[in-house]
Amino acid sequence: MLDATTIATLARQLYDARKTRTPLRHFSRAHPQMTIDDGYAIQREWVKLELADGRTIRGRKIGLTSRAMQQASQITEPDYAPLMDDMFFEQGGDIPINRFIAPRVEVELAFVLGRPLRGPGVTLFEVLAATDYVCPALEIIDARIEQFDRETRAPRKVFDTISDFAANAGIVLGGRPVKPDAVDLRWVGAMLFKNGVIEETGLAAGVLNHPATGVAWLANKIAAHDEQLNTGDAVLAGSFTRPTTVVAGDGLHADYGPLGTVSFRFL
């Protein structure tokens, strides 16, 4: 376990890296004794710095829930992090790419809660009952901690990813909101286009066999820290495609069929 001073120092480095868009080397390289609990402790300290700036938490994200994402990241354990209010962008608009270091885009479903969920013991069915609506979402992920070390090219470890807000950096909600029992969420599919070319396709069943499973996992996981999912929270259930790299000028368009579309452009 890392000491409190080290945890606070590393959280400050991440806070600064996000603001200056300067990538950091792997924390796990400098601190090989680092644990998953250390990663979440760093994340919580970083959240405190954001809250002190006047930011608010508008939801949560769950990462690395699908086989596609686990293979792409070479990490096999799910993770989670808060969604801050300044991470939400309007669909159909332009997003400044200079907000990010190395952005990539993922295809997800967002669960917007109509009532709180508090673990332990939350089930998939309780998630569905507590959800006001589900809608398409694109997540922008980033790497304040380098995805691959600049010298060794070694991939970052789960401790690094957890510390780094589970890599989250932006969210765009869109499409057609639906009640969670209006469609079979396992069979919700999407095609992700970049500049008119299909980059990725997938089904939401790729997320733990049902995207609501991830939301239940999260509610139970954060209960250990006396936290819960709150009314109005937007919860990203996890990507069911591999991440797509982007550069300035790229236009992203995700077609969810009956659930509509989500689009935006990086400037």
Protein backbone atom coordinates (compact mmCIF):
# COMPACT_ATOMS: atom_id res chain seq x y z
CA MET A 1 0.00 0.00 0.00
CA LEU A 2 1.18 3.50 -0.81
CA ASP A 3 1.33 6.09 1.96
CA ALA A 4 -1.07 9.04 2.07
CA THR A 5 1.56 11.56 0.96
CA THR A 6 2.46 9.54 -2.14
CA ILE A 7 -1.22 9.06 -3.01
CA ALA A 8 -1.86 12.80 -2.75
CA THR A 9 1.24 13.58 -4.83
CA LEU A 10 0.24 11.20 -7.62
CA ALA A 11 -3.32 12.56 -7.64
CA ARG A 12 -1.97 16.07 -8.05
CA GLN A 13 0.20 14.90 -10.97
CA LEU A 14 -2.88 13.52 -12.72
CA TYR A 15 -4.85 16.68 -12.02
CA ASP A 16 -2.05 18.76 -13.55
CA ALA A 17 -1.60 16.36 -16.48
CA ARG A 18 -5.25 16.73 -17.44
CA LYS A 19 -5.01 20.52 -17.39
CA THR A 20 -1.68 20.78 -19.23
CA ARG A 21 -2.27 17.76 -21.53
CA THR A 22 1.10 16.34 -20.55
CA PRO A 23 1.21 12.51 -20.34
CA LEU A 24 2.73 10.80 -17.32
CA ARG A 25 4.75 7.61 -17.19
CA HIS A 26 3.27 4.56 -15.48
CA PHE A 27 2.80 4.92 -11.74
CA SER A 28 3.24 1.14 -11.46
CA ARG A 29 6.73 1.49 -12.91
CA ALA A 30 7.85 3.89 -10.18
CA HIS A 31 5.81 2.10 -7.50
CA PRO A 32 5.87 -1.64 -8.27
CA GLN A 33 4.23 -2.38 -4.90
CA MET A 34 1.13 -0.48 -6.00
CA THR A 35 -2.25 -2.21 -5.54
CA ILE A 36 -5.75 -1.84 -6.96
CA ASP A 37 -6.80 -0.17 -3.70
CA ASP A 38 -3.98 2.35 -4.21
CA GLY A 39 -5.30 3.11 -7.69
CA TYR A 40 -8.77 3.90 -6.37
CA ALA A 41 -7.30 5.93 -3.49
CA ILE A 42 -5.41 8.08 -6.02
CA GLN A 43 -8.57 8.42 -8.09
CA ARG A 44 -10.57 9.59 -5.06
CA GLU A 45 -7.92 12.18 -4.18
CA TRP A 46 -8.02 13.47 -7.75
CA VAL A 47 -11.82 13.75 -7.53
CA LYS A 48 -11.40 15.91 -4.41
CA LEU A 49 -9.22 18.31 -6.38
CA GLU A 50 -11.82 18.53 -9.15
CA LEU A 51 -14.63 19.10 -6.64
CA ALA A 52 -12.58 21.86 -5.02
CA ASP A 53 -12.55 23.56 -8.43
CA GLY A 54 -16.34 23.60 -8.45
CA ARG A 55 -16.82 20.51 -10.59
CA THR A 56 -19.67 18.09 -9.82
CA ILE A 57 -20.17 14.37 -10.35
CA ARG A 58 -22.90 13.61 -12.91
CA GLY A 59 -22.50 9.85 -13.10
CA ARG A 60 -20.08 6.97 -13.35
CA LYS A 61 -18.35 4.90 -15.98
CA ILE A 62 -17.49 1.23 -15.97
CA GLY A 63 -14.58 0.13 -18.11
CA LEU A 64 -13.04 -3.05 -19.42
CA THR A 65 -16.28 -5.03 -19.21
CA SER A 66 -16.16 -6.54 -22.70
CA ARG A 67 -13.73 -9.03 -24.17
CA ALA A 68 -13.00 -6.57 -27.00
CA MET A 69 -11.87 -3.88 -24.56
CA GLN A 70 -9.91 -6.26 -22.38
CA GLN A 71 -7.99 -7.51 -25.39
CA ALA A 72 -7.39 -3.97 -26.68
CA SER A 73 -6.05 -2.78 -23.32
CA GLN A 74 -4.35 -6.02 -22.25
CA ILE A 75 -6.17 -5.66 -18.91
CA THR A 76 -8.60 -8.30 -17.65
CA GLU A 77 -10.36 -6.64 -14.70
CA PRO A 78 -13.23 -4.12 -14.92
CA ASP A 79 -12.70 -0.68 -13.44
CA TYR A 80 -14.78 2.41 -12.71
CA ALA A 81 -14.56 6.16 -12.20
CA PRO A 82 -16.82 9.20 -11.83
CA LEU A 83 -18.09 11.30 -14.73
CA MET A 84 -17.48 14.97 -13.96
CA ASP A 85 -19.82 17.65 -15.28
CA ASP A 86 -17.20 19.14 -17.63
CA MET A 87 -16.82 15.80 -19.40
CA PHE A 88 -20.30 16.01 -20.99
CA PHE A 89 -20.53 17.31 -24.57
CA GLU A 90 -23.57 17.94 -26.77
CA GLN A 91 -24.21 15.58 -29.66
CA GLY A 92 -24.03 17.02 -33.15
CA GLY A 93 -21.45 19.59 -32.13
CA ASP A 94 -17.73 20.20 -32.38
CA ILE A 95 -15.40 19.06 -29.61
CA PRO A 96 -11.97 20.70 -29.30
CA ILE A 97 -9.37 17.98 -29.57
CA ASN A 98 -6.92 20.08 -27.57
CA ARG A 99 -8.95 19.14 -24.49
CA PHE A 100 -7.27 15.73 -24.69
CA ILE A 101 -3.87 14.05 -24.95
CA ALA A 102 -4.50 10.90 -26.99
CA PRO A 103 -8.28 10.60 -27.42
CA ARG A 104 -10.09 7.50 -28.59
CA VAL A 105 -13.82 6.78 -28.91
CA GLU A 106 -15.90 3.87 -27.63
CA VAL A 107 -19.49 2.72 -28.24
CA GLU A 108 -21.67 2.26 -25.17
CA LEU A 109 -25.11 2.40 -23.58
CA ALA A 110 -25.86 4.85 -20.78
CA PHE A 111 -28.27 4.01 -17.96
CA VAL A 112 -29.88 7.12 -16.47
CA LEU A 113 -31.23 6.29 -13.04
CA GLY A 114 -34.68 7.20 -11.77
CA ARG A 115 -33.85 6.19 -8.22
CA PRO A 116 -30.72 5.37 -6.20
CA LEU A 117 -28.92 2.03 -6.23
CA ARG A 118 -26.94 1.05 -3.17
CA GLY A 119 -25.07 -2.22 -2.72
CA PRO A 120 -24.23 -4.77 -1.65
CA GLY A 121 -26.53 -7.29 -3.25
CA VAL A 122 -27.81 -5.19 -6.16
CA THR A 123 -28.99 -7.44 -9.02
CA LEU A 124 -29.44 -6.92 -12.76
CA PHE A 125 -33.23 -6.84 -12.24
CA GLU A 126 -32.94 -4.12 -9.60
CA VAL A 127 -30.83 -2.08 -12.02
CA LEU A 128 -33.53 -2.34 -14.68
CA ALA A 129 -36.24 -1.37 -12.18
CA ALA A 130 -34.25 1.66 -10.99
CA THR A 131 -33.39 2.90 -14.51
CA ASP A 132 -35.44 5.78 -15.91
CA TYR A 133 -34.14 5.29 -19.45
CA VAL A 134 -31.29 3.88 -21.51
CA CYS A 135 -29.73 5.77 -24.41
CA PRO A 136 -26.84 5.53 -26.86
CA ALA A 137 -23.58 7.07 -25.74
CA LEU A 138 -20.09 7.60 -27.08
CA GLU A 139 -17.29 7.80 -24.57
CA ILE A 140 -14.06 9.68 -25.21
CA ILE A 141 -11.20 8.02 -23.39
CA ASP A 142 -7.76 9.54 -22.86
CA ALA A 143 -4.34 8.72 -21.44
CA ARG A 144 -3.06 11.09 -18.81
CA ILE A 145 -0.95 8.04 -17.91
CA GLU A 146 0.58 6.69 -21.11
CA GLN A 147 -1.12 3.64 -22.58
CA PHE A 148 2.31 2.29 -23.50
CA ASP A 149 5.53 3.34 -21.81
CA ARG A 150 7.47 5.79 -23.96
CA GLU A 151 10.68 3.75 -23.71
CA THR A 152 9.85 0.11 -23.02
CA ARG A 153 6.46 0.09 -24.83
CA ALA A 154 5.12 -1.98 -21.93
CA PRO A 155 1.33 -1.58 -21.50
CA ARG A 156 0.06 0.20 -18.43
CA LYS A 157 -1.28 -1.96 -15.62
CA VAL A 158 -4.78 -1.90 -14.20
CA PHE A 159 -3.47 0.17 -11.25
CA ASP A 160 -2.43 2.91 -13.69
CA THR A 161 -5.74 2.86 -15.54
CA ILE A 162 -7.76 3.02 -12.34
CA SER A 163 -5.72 5.96 -11.07
CA ASP A 164 -6.29 7.73 -14.39
CA PHE A 165 -10.09 8.03 -13.93
CA ALA A 166 -10.40 4.64 -15.68
CA ALA A 167 -9.21 6.58 -18.76
CA ASN A 168 -12.47 8.53 -19.08
CA ALA A 169 -12.38 12.06 -20.49
CA GLY A 170 -15.68 12.78 -22.25
CA ILE A 171 -19.21 11.54 -22.88
CA VAL A 172 -21.75 12.33 -25.58
CA LEU A 173 -25.34 11.15 -25.03
CA GLY A 174 -27.79 10.94 -27.88
CA GLY A 175 -30.10 8.78 -29.93
CA ARG A 176 -33.55 7.76 -28.75
CA PRO A 177 -34.01 7.16 -25.01
CA VAL A 178 -35.92 3.97 -24.23
CA LYS A 179 -37.31 2.39 -21.11
CA PRO A 180 -35.11 -0.53 -20.06
CA ASP A 181 -37.90 -3.06 -20.70
CA ALA A 182 -38.83 -1.62 -24.12
CA VAL A 183 -36.10 -3.53 -25.96
CA ASP A 184 -33.86 -6.52 -25.31
CA LEU A 185 -30.75 -4.57 -24.32
CA ARG A 186 -28.50 -7.55 -25.04
CA TRP A 187 -29.36 -7.24 -28.73
CA VAL A 188 -28.81 -3.51 -29.06
CA GLY A 189 -26.22 -3.10 -31.81
CA ALA A 190 -24.23 -0.21 -33.16
CA MET A 191 -22.02 0.71 -36.09
CA LEU A 192 -19.33 3.32 -35.48
CA PHE A 193 -18.35 5.40 -38.51
CA LYS A 194 -15.30 7.64 -38.72
CA ASN A 195 -15.36 10.04 -41.64
CA GLY A 196 -18.04 7.91 -43.29
CA VAL A 197 -16.16 4.61 -42.97
CA ILE A 198 -17.27 1.87 -40.57
CA GLU A 199 -14.58 1.40 -37.93
CA GLU A 200 -16.31 -0.89 -35.43
CA THR A 201 -19.52 -2.82 -34.90
CA GLY A 202 -20.81 -4.66 -31.85
CA LEU A 203 -23.67 -5.87 -29.67
CA ALA A 204 -24.32 -4.72 -26.12
CA ALA A 205 -24.34 -8.37 -25.01
CA GLY A 206 -20.55 -8.11 -25.30
CA VAL A 207 -20.66 -6.26 -21.97
CA LEU A 208 -20.82 -9.06 -19.39
CA ASN A 209 -23.62 -10.75 -21.39
CA HIS A 210 -25.98 -7.88 -20.46
CA PRO A 211 -25.02 -4.21 -20.01
CA ALA A 212 -27.08 -3.90 -16.81
CA THR A 213 -24.80 -6.51 -15.22
CA GLY A 214 -22.02 -3.95 -15.18
CA VAL A 215 -24.21 -1.38 -13.43
CA ALA A 216 -25.06 -3.92 -10.73
CA TRP A 217 -21.36 -4.75 -10.37
CA LEU A 218 -20.56 -1.08 -9.92
CA ALA A 219 -23.25 -0.45 -7.30
CA ASN A 220 -21.95 -3.38 -5.28
CA LYS A 221 -18.30 -2.42 -5.75
CA ILE A 222 -18.60 1.17 -4.53
CA ALA A 223 -20.71 0.16 -1.52
CA ALA A 224 -17.47 -0.83 0.21
CA HIS A 225 -16.54 2.88 0.21
CA ASP A 226 -19.97 3.94 1.52
CA GLU A 227 -20.93 5.26 -1.92
CA GLN A 228 -23.98 4.68 -4.10
CA LEU A 229 -25.40 5.45 -7.53
CA ASN A 230 -27.77 8.40 -7.26
CA THR A 231 -31.00 9.51 -8.91
CA GLY A 232 -30.20 11.20 -12.21
CA ASP A 233 -26.77 9.61 -12.54
CA ALA A 234 -25.73 8.63 -16.06
CA VAL A 235 -23.89 5.31 -15.84
CA LEU A 236 -21.83 4.17 -18.81
CA ALA A 237 -22.11 0.39 -18.79
CA GLY A 238 -18.94 -0.32 -20.76
CA SER A 239 -17.85 -0.38 -24.37
CA PHE A 240 -18.89 -3.18 -26.68
CA THR A 241 -16.37 -2.24 -29.37
CA ARG A 242 -12.67 -1.65 -29.43
CA PRO A 243 -11.61 2.01 -29.10
CA THR A 244 -11.17 4.04 -32.28
CA THR A 245 -8.30 6.53 -32.52
CA VAL A 246 -9.07 10.07 -33.67
CA VAL A 247 -7.32 13.22 -34.84
CA ALA A 248 -8.45 16.80 -35.44
CA GLY A 249 -11.04 16.96 -38.23
CA ASP A 250 -12.45 13.46 -37.68
CA GLY A 251 -16.21 13.11 -37.69
CA LEU A 252 -17.73 10.32 -35.57
CA HIS A 253 -21.19 8.87 -36.19
CA ALA A 254 -22.66 5.91 -34.31
CA ASP A 255 -25.80 4.26 -35.70
CA TYR A 256 -27.75 2.27 -33.09
CA GLY A 257 -30.57 1.30 -35.46
CA PRO A 258 -33.95 1.70 -33.71
CA LEU A 259 -32.25 3.64 -30.88
CA GLY A 260 -31.06 6.38 -33.23
CA THR A 261 -27.66 7.95 -33.73
CA VAL A 262 -24.94 9.93 -31.95
CA SER A 263 -22.58 12.21 -33.90
CA PHE A 264 -19.92 14.82 -33.29
CA ARG A 265 -16.68 16.14 -34.79
CA PHE A 266 -13.25 16.80 -33.35
CA LEU A 267 -11.78 20.21 -34.13
